[in-house]
C-alpha atoms as a PDB file:
ATOM      1  CA  MET A   1     108.370 179.700  -1.167  1.00  0.00           C
ATOM      2  CA  SER A   2     106.473 182.891  -2.088  1.00  0.00           C
ATOM      3  CA  TYR A   3     103.899 184.405   0.351  1.00  0.00           C
ATOM      4  CA  HIS A   4     100.947 183.639  -2.020  1.00  0.00           C
ATOM      5  CA  SER A   5     101.802 180.048  -2.394  1.00  0.00           C
ATOM      6  CA  LYS A   6     101.294 179.587   1.431  1.00  0.00           C
ATOM      7  CA  ILE A   7      97.696 180.805   1.466  1.00  0.00           C
ATOM      8  CA  MET A   8      94.556 180.426  -0.361  1.00  0.00           C
ATOM      9  CA  GLU A   9      94.317 183.303  -2.960  1.00  0.00           C
ATOM     10  CA  ILE A  10      90.995 184.892  -3.357  1.00  0.00           C
ATOM     11  CA  LEU A  11      90.560 187.007  -6.515  1.00  0.00           C
ATOM     12  CA  ASN A  12      87.972 189.516  -7.727  1.00  0.00           C
ATOM     13  CA  ILE A  13      85.987 187.980 -10.645  1.00  0.00           C
ATOM     14  CA  TYR A  14      84.599 189.950 -13.552  1.00  0.00           C
ATOM     15  CA  ASN A  15      82.461 189.432 -16.683  1.00  0.00           C
ATOM     16  CA  ASP A  16      84.143 189.963 -20.207  1.00  0.00           C
ATOM     17  CA  ASN A  17      82.987 193.697 -19.902  1.00  0.00           C
ATOM     18  CA  TYR A  18      85.290 194.146 -16.816  1.00  0.00           C
ATOM     19  CA  GLU A  19      82.265 194.485 -14.511  1.00  0.00           C
ATOM     20  CA  LEU A  20      82.826 193.017 -10.995  1.00  0.00           C
ATOM     21  CA  LEU A  21      80.810 189.978 -10.185  1.00  0.00           C
ATOM     22  CA  GLY A  22      82.156 188.747  -6.890  1.00  0.00           C
ATOM     23  CA  THR A  23      85.212 186.745  -5.685  1.00  0.00           C
ATOM     24  CA  CYS A  24      86.631 183.216  -6.336  1.00  0.00           C
ATOM     25  CA  GLU A  25      89.599 181.149  -5.248  1.00  0.00           C
ATOM     26  CA  LYS A  26      92.412 181.342  -7.799  1.00  0.00           C
ATOM     27  CA  LYS A  27      92.720 177.597  -8.668  1.00  0.00           C
ATOM     28  CA  LEU A  28      88.961 177.428  -9.224  1.00  0.00           C
ATOM     29  CA  ALA A  29      89.106 180.580 -11.395  1.00  0.00           C
ATOM     30  CA  HIS A  30      91.602 179.027 -13.632  1.00  0.00           C
ATOM     31  CA  LYS A  31      89.758 175.602 -13.571  1.00  0.00           C
ATOM     32  CA  ILE A  32      86.545 177.017 -14.974  1.00  0.00           C
ATOM     33  CA  GLY A  33      87.872 180.037 -16.679  1.00  0.00           C
ATOM     34  CA  LEU A  34      86.646 183.197 -14.817  1.00  0.00           C
ATOM     35  CA  TRP A  35      87.796 186.598 -15.672  1.00  0.00           C
ATOM     36  CA  HIS A  36      90.335 188.241 -13.071  1.00  0.00           C
ATOM     37  CA  GLU A  37      93.144 190.702 -12.919  1.00  0.00           C
ATOM     38  CA  VAL A  38      96.832 190.240 -12.999  1.00  0.00           C
ATOM     39  CA  PHE A  39      99.903 192.407 -12.826  1.00  0.00           C
ATOM     40  CA  THR A  40     102.472 192.140 -15.529  1.00  0.00           C
ATOM     41  CA  CYS A  41     105.930 194.054 -15.450  1.00  0.00           C
ATOM     42  CA  LEU A  42     108.917 194.032 -17.841  1.00  0.00           C
ATOM     43  CA  VAL A  43     112.083 195.274 -16.173  1.00  0.00           C
ATOM     44  CA  ILE A  44     114.487 197.110 -18.578  1.00  0.00           C
ATOM     45  CA  ASN A  45     117.752 198.990 -18.373  1.00  0.00           C
ATOM     46  CA  PRO A  46     117.622 201.959 -20.567  1.00  0.00           C
ATOM     47  CA  GLU A  47     121.353 202.798 -20.079  1.00  0.00           C
ATOM     48  CA  LYS A  48     122.382 199.353 -21.176  1.00  0.00           C
ATOM     49  CA  ASN A  49     119.526 198.800 -23.700  1.00  0.00           C
ATOM     50  CA  THR A  50     118.756 195.443 -22.079  1.00  0.00           C
ATOM     51  CA  VAL A  51     115.808 193.512 -20.632  1.00  0.00           C
ATOM     52  CA  ILE A  52     115.754 191.057 -17.847  1.00  0.00           C
ATOM     53  CA  MET A  53     113.188 188.264 -18.054  1.00  0.00           C
ATOM     54  CA  GLN A  54     112.046 185.401 -15.808  1.00  0.00           C
ATOM     55  CA  ILE A  55     112.832 181.699 -16.384  1.00  0.00           C
ATOM     56  CA  LYS A  56     109.586 180.151 -15.167  1.00  0.00           C
ATOM     57  CA  ASN A  57     109.574 176.766 -13.338  1.00  0.00           C
ATOM     58  CA  HIS A  58     107.454 174.615 -15.627  1.00  0.00           C
ATOM     59  CA  SER A  59     106.004 172.712 -12.705  1.00  0.00           C
ATOM     60  CA  HIS A  60     104.599 175.774 -11.027  1.00  0.00           C
ATOM     61  CA  ASN A  61     101.263 175.761 -12.962  1.00  0.00           C
ATOM     62  CA  ASP A  62     101.919 172.595 -14.871  1.00  0.00           C
ATOM     63  CA  VAL A  63     101.112 174.378 -18.067  1.00  0.00           C
ATOM     64  CA  HIS A  64     104.307 173.684 -20.024  1.00  0.00           C
ATOM     65  CA  GLU A  65     106.680 170.754 -20.361  1.00  0.00           C
ATOM     66  CA  LYS A  66     109.892 172.636 -19.791  1.00  0.00           C
ATOM     67  CA  ASP A  67     111.200 175.873 -18.227  1.00  0.00           C
ATOM     68  CA  LEU A  68     110.338 178.786 -20.480  1.00  0.00           C
ATOM     69  CA  ILE A  69     111.195 182.461 -20.578  1.00  0.00           C
ATOM     70  CA  GLU A  70     108.487 184.727 -19.592  1.00  0.00           C
ATOM     71  CA  ILE A  71     107.828 188.474 -18.704  1.00  0.00           C
ATOM     72  CA  THR A  72     109.936 189.554 -15.890  1.00  0.00           C
ATOM     73  CA  VAL A  73     107.086 189.639 -13.282  1.00  0.00           C
ATOM     74  CA  GLY A  74     103.537 188.437 -13.325  1.00  0.00           C
ATOM     75  CA  GLY A  75     101.131 187.861 -10.538  1.00  0.00           C
ATOM     76  CA  HIS A  76      97.359 187.942  -9.582  1.00  0.00           C
ATOM     77  CA  TYR A  77      95.725 190.856  -7.958  1.00  0.00           C
ATOM     78  CA  GLN A  78      93.999 189.679  -4.746  1.00  0.00           C
ATOM     79  CA  ALA A  79      90.337 190.604  -3.968  1.00  0.00           C
ATOM     80  CA  GLY A  80      90.227 194.164  -2.593  1.00  0.00           C
ATOM     81  CA  GLU A  81      93.576 195.294  -3.944  1.00  0.00           C
ATOM     82  CA  ILE A  82      93.985 198.411  -6.144  1.00  0.00           C
ATOM     83  CA  LEU A  83      96.153 198.914  -9.154  1.00  0.00           C
ATOM     84  CA  GLU A  84      99.091 200.242  -7.084  1.00  0.00           C
ATOM     85  CA  ASP A  85      99.212 197.035  -4.991  1.00  0.00           C
ATOM     86  CA  GLY A  86     100.600 195.233  -7.960  1.00  0.00           C
ATOM     87  CA  ILE A  87     104.077 196.535  -6.981  1.00  0.00           C
ATOM     88  CA  ARG A  88     104.107 193.763  -4.365  1.00  0.00           C
ATOM     89  CA  GLU A  89     104.529 191.213  -7.091  1.00  0.00           C
ATOM     90  CA  LEU A  90     107.677 192.975  -8.417  1.00  0.00           C
ATOM     91  CA  GLU A  91     109.162 193.140  -5.025  1.00  0.00           C
ATOM     92  CA  GLU A  92     108.134 189.497  -4.043  1.00  0.00           C
ATOM     93  CA  GLU A  93     109.451 187.919  -7.221  1.00  0.00           C
ATOM     94  CA  THR A  94     112.656 189.958  -7.896  1.00  0.00           C
ATOM     95  CA  GLY A  95     113.502 191.466  -4.523  1.00  0.00           C
ATOM     96  CA  LEU A  96     113.754 194.926  -6.219  1.00  0.00           C
ATOM     97  CA  ASN A  97     112.438 197.776  -4.084  1.00  0.00           C
ATOM     98  CA  ALA A  98     110.484 199.867  -6.460  1.00  0.00           C
ATOM     99  CA  ASP A  99     108.146 202.701  -6.212  1.00  0.00           C
ATOM    100  CA  PHE A 100     104.814 202.334  -8.135  1.00  0.00           C
ATOM    101  CA  LYS A 101     105.272 205.971  -9.513  1.00  0.00           C
ATOM    102  CA  ASN A 102     108.324 204.833 -11.329  1.00  0.00           C
ATOM    103  CA  LEU A 103     106.544 202.231 -13.406  1.00  0.00           C
ATOM    104  CA  VAL A 104     105.404 203.079 -16.885  1.00  0.00           C
ATOM    105  CA  SER A 105     101.839 201.943 -17.613  1.00  0.00           C
ATOM    106  CA  LEU A 106     101.275 200.305 -21.033  1.00  0.00           C
ATOM    107  CA  GLY A 107      97.510 199.777 -20.583  1.00  0.00           C
ATOM    108  CA  VAL A 108      95.508 196.525 -20.231  1.00  0.00           C
ATOM    109  CA  ARG A 109      95.603 193.363 -22.244  1.00  0.00           C
ATOM    110  CA  GLN A 110      92.452 191.296 -22.195  1.00  0.00           C
ATOM    111  CA  VAL A 111      93.333 187.646 -22.995  1.00  0.00           C
ATOM    112  CA  ALA A 112      91.434 184.415 -23.179  1.00  0.00           C
ATOM    113  CA  THR A 113      93.413 181.206 -23.984  1.00  0.00           C
ATOM    114  CA  THR A 114      93.314 177.568 -22.727  1.00  0.00           C
ATOM    115  CA  PRO A 115      96.864 176.133 -22.388  1.00  0.00           C
ATOM    116  CA  ASN A 116      95.257 172.829 -21.182  1.00  0.00           C
ATOM    117  CA  PRO A 117      91.785 171.662 -20.300  1.00  0.00           C
ATOM    118  CA  SER A 118      92.454 172.018 -16.538  1.00  0.00           C
ATOM    119  CA  TYR A 119      94.031 175.510 -16.802  1.00  0.00           C
ATOM    120  CA  ILE A 120      91.995 178.230 -18.448  1.00  0.00           C
ATOM    121  CA  ILE A 121      93.181 181.783 -18.685  1.00  0.00           C
ATOM    122  CA  ARG A 122      90.675 184.692 -18.675  1.00  0.00           C
ATOM    123  CA  GLU A 123      92.672 187.716 -17.607  1.00  0.00           C
ATOM    124  CA  PHE A 124      92.785 191.557 -17.627  1.00  0.00           C
ATOM    125  CA  GLN A 125      96.453 192.016 -17.644  1.00  0.00           C
ATOM    126  CA  HIS A 126      97.724 195.430 -16.265  1.00  0.00           C
ATOM    127  CA  ILE A 127     101.080 195.812 -18.117  1.00  0.00           C
ATOM    128  CA  PHE A 128     103.890 197.965 -16.929  1.00  0.00           C
ATOM    129  CA  LEU A 129     107.595 198.765 -17.773  1.00  0.00           C
ATOM    130  CA  TYR A 130     110.013 199.289 -14.881  1.00  0.00           C
ATOM    131  CA  PRO A 131     113.032 201.193 -16.129  1.00  0.00           C
ATOM    132  CA  THR A 132     115.977 200.801 -13.710  1.00  0.00           C
ATOM    133  CA  ASN A 133     119.759 200.565 -13.666  1.00  0.00           C
ATOM    134  CA  LYS A 134     119.547 197.586 -11.359  1.00  0.00           C
ATOM    135  CA  THR A 135     121.425 194.560 -12.671  1.00  0.00           C
ATOM    136  CA  LEU A 136     120.956 190.855 -12.477  1.00  0.00           C
ATOM    137  CA  ASN A 137     123.115 190.853  -9.202  1.00  0.00           C
ATOM    138  CA  ASP A 138     120.555 193.021  -7.625  1.00  0.00           C
ATOM    139  CA  PHE A 139     117.873 190.344  -8.097  1.00  0.00           C
ATOM    140  CA  LYS A 140     117.251 188.172  -5.213  1.00  0.00           C
ATOM    141  CA  ASP A 141     118.132 184.419  -5.253  1.00  0.00           C
ATOM    142  CA  PHE A 142     115.145 182.879  -7.047  1.00  0.00           C
ATOM    143  CA  ASP A 143     112.434 180.806  -5.500  1.00  0.00           C
ATOM    144  CA  GLU A 144     112.742 177.416  -7.339  1.00  0.00           C
ATOM    145  CA  GLU A 145     109.146 176.624  -6.704  1.00  0.00           C
ATOM    146  CA  GLU A 146     108.154 179.369  -9.199  1.00  0.00           C
ATOM    147  CA  VAL A 147     111.307 180.866 -10.708  1.00  0.00           C
ATOM    148  CA  ASN A 148     114.340 179.123 -11.935  1.00  0.00           C
ATOM    149  CA  GLY A 149     116.335 182.205 -12.609  1.00  0.00           C
ATOM    150  CA  TYR A 150     116.488 185.443 -14.621  1.00  0.00           C
ATOM    151  CA  ILE A 151     118.253 186.059 -17.912  1.00  0.00           C
ATOM    152  CA  GLU A 152     119.223 189.437 -19.583  1.00  0.00           C
ATOM    153  CA  PHE A 153     119.161 190.126 -23.293  1.00  0.00           C
ATOM    154  CA  ASN A 154     120.275 193.078 -25.492  1.00  0.00           C
ATOM    155  CA  ILE A 155     116.878 194.385 -26.590  1.00  0.00           C
ATOM    156  CA  ASP A 156     117.780 194.849 -30.226  1.00  0.00           C
ATOM    157  CA  GLU A 157     119.102 191.349 -30.498  1.00  0.00           C
ATOM    158  CA  LEU A 158     115.949 189.858 -28.891  1.00  0.00           C
ATOM    159  CA  ILE A 159     113.729 191.858 -31.291  1.00  0.00           C
ATOM    160  CA  ASN A 160     115.835 190.428 -34.235  1.00  0.00           C
ATOM    161  CA  LEU A 161     115.257 186.852 -32.824  1.00  0.00           C
ATOM    162  CA  LEU A 162     111.540 187.450 -32.453  1.00  0.00           C
ATOM    163  CA  LEU A 163     111.436 188.803 -36.016  1.00  0.00           C
ATOM    164  CA  ARG A 164     113.364 185.671 -37.102  1.00  0.00           C
ATOM    165  CA  LYS A 165     116.179 187.773 -38.433  1.00  0.00           C
ATOM    166  CA  SER A 166     118.524 185.543 -36.403  1.00  0.00           C
ATOM    167  CA  ASN A 167     118.253 181.959 -35.143  1.00  0.00           C
ATOM    168  CA  LYS A 168     119.918 182.251 -31.815  1.00  0.00           C
ATOM    169  CA  ILE A 169     121.231 184.892 -29.447  1.00  0.00           C
ATOM    170  CA  LYS A 170     123.134 185.121 -26.190  1.00  0.00           C
ATOM    171  CA  GLY A 171     121.318 185.507 -22.860  1.00  0.00           C
ATOM    172  CA  ILE A 172     123.275 186.415 -19.604  1.00  0.00           C
ATOM    173  CA  THR A 173     122.318 184.608 -16.325  1.00  0.00           C
ATOM    174  CA  LYS A 174     123.864 184.786 -12.807  1.00  0.00           C
ATOM    175  CA  ILE A 175     125.897 181.764 -13.727  1.00  0.00           C
ATOM    176  CA  GLY A 176     127.018 182.498 -17.299  1.00  0.00           C
ATOM    177  CA  THR A 177     126.000 182.916 -20.798  1.00  0.00           C
ATOM    178  CA  LYS A 178     123.340 180.717 -22.571  1.00  0.00           C
ATOM    179  CA  ASP A 179     122.452 180.162 -26.142  1.00  0.00           C
ATOM    180  CA  ILE A 180     118.798 181.143 -26.652  1.00  0.00           C
ATOM    181  CA  ASP A 181     116.335 180.340 -29.586  1.00  0.00           C
ATOM    182  CA  LEU A 182     112.601 180.798 -29.996  1.00  0.00           C
ATOM    183  CA  SER A 183     111.906 177.262 -28.514  1.00  0.00           C
ATOM    184  CA  ASN A 184     112.881 178.809 -25.076  1.00  0.00           C
ATOM    185  CA  PHE A 185     109.884 181.148 -25.068  1.00  0.00           C
ATOM    186  CA  VAL A 186     106.179 180.738 -24.412  1.00  0.00           C
ATOM    187  CA  GLU A 187     104.641 179.974 -27.840  1.00  0.00           C
ATOM    188  CA  ASN A 188     101.420 181.904 -27.198  1.00  0.00           C
ATOM    189  CA  TYR A 189     103.350 185.072 -26.527  1.00  0.00           C
ATOM    190  CA  LEU A 190     105.148 184.571 -29.807  1.00  0.00           C
ATOM    191  CA  LYS A 191     101.900 184.244 -31.750  1.00  0.00           C
ATOM    192  CA  GLY A 192      98.590 185.928 -31.834  1.00  0.00           C
ATOM    193  CA  ASP A 193      99.055 189.507 -30.642  1.00  0.00           C
ATOM    194  CA  LYS A 194     102.893 188.903 -30.195  1.00  0.00           C
ATOM    195  CA  LEU A 195     103.141 190.022 -26.602  1.00  0.00           C
ATOM    196  CA  TYR A 196     106.980 189.740 -26.384  1.00  0.00           C
ATOM    197  CA  LEU A 197     107.552 191.764 -29.511  1.00  0.00           C
ATOM    198  CA  ARG A 198     105.167 194.407 -28.661  1.00  0.00           C
ATOM    199  CA  LEU A 199     106.504 194.885 -25.129  1.00  0.00           C
ATOM    200  CA  LEU A 200     109.998 195.258 -26.561  1.00  0.00           C
ATOM    201  CA  ILE A 201     108.896 197.795 -29.169  1.00  0.00           C
ATOM    202  CA  ALA A 202     107.298 199.705 -26.373  1.00  0.00           C
ATOM    203  CA  SER A 203     110.570 199.467 -24.374  1.00  0.00           C
ATOM    204  CA  LYS A 204     112.691 200.858 -27.329  1.00  0.00           C
ATOM    205  CA  ARG A 205     110.088 203.641 -27.733  1.00  0.00           C
ATOM    206  CA  PHE A 206     110.527 204.433 -24.041  1.00  0.00           C
ATOM    207  CA  ILE A 207     114.311 204.364 -24.291  1.00  0.00           C
ATOM    208  CA  ASN A 208     114.140 206.734 -27.277  1.00  0.00           C
ATOM    209  CA  LYS A 209     112.227 209.173 -24.991  1.00  0.00           C
ATOM    210  CA  GLU A 210     108.941 209.043 -26.666  1.00  0.00           C
ATOM    211  CA  ASP A 211     105.964 210.414 -24.917  1.00  0.00           C
ATOM    212  CA  THR A 212     105.044 207.728 -22.329  1.00  0.00           C
ATOM    213  CA  GLU A 213     101.263 208.777 -22.590  1.00  0.00           C
ATOM    214  CA  LEU A 214     101.451 207.508 -26.213  1.00  0.00           C
ATOM    215  CA  ILE A 215     103.269 204.170 -25.464  1.00  0.00           C
ATOM    216  CA  PHE A 216     101.057 201.073 -25.335  1.00  0.00           C
ATOM    217  CA  TRP A 217     101.812 197.436 -25.231  1.00  0.00           C
END
């Protein structure tokens, strides 16, 4: 069980212009659709040209009907936290001991969506890459309350899947190889602003040593 599942989480609340209004309990913020901040981080291995993603337990937020593949790490900023405090989520969810200065900022994504009537998302998502040579074996044993494992992909193969140039690819987990298709991913991240694809393109640009100040999600 993660630390934040044990306590009531209080979030900073904003208007849609990102102006602070006050604070609110997390569950209520999602129930009535209040703007708040989250930390989002994609773990990549530039040497292997791979990305490690999270298999989210569908019962954690009761948003989806089955476990789906999501961005490696995602979590809410608590009231009073600053940007650098987001590194806490990376360490809590993966067990990786990272330094915030080694993250690559990709900017802020403002998103409003309603997965179901009782769970409304209004978020300012601070998005980062974490380039590392750590492997799946370095990830901690997952917490089944929220995470049902991690899966590693070749970035080029995953991009081809997202572009529908292939119907299925192999993903590697701690217990073996799995056949993966688009039905294994969060549909909203495949459509609209195509978050998965844009993050992977940003990852390729980083691996190709482009100017990080010009790389955005």
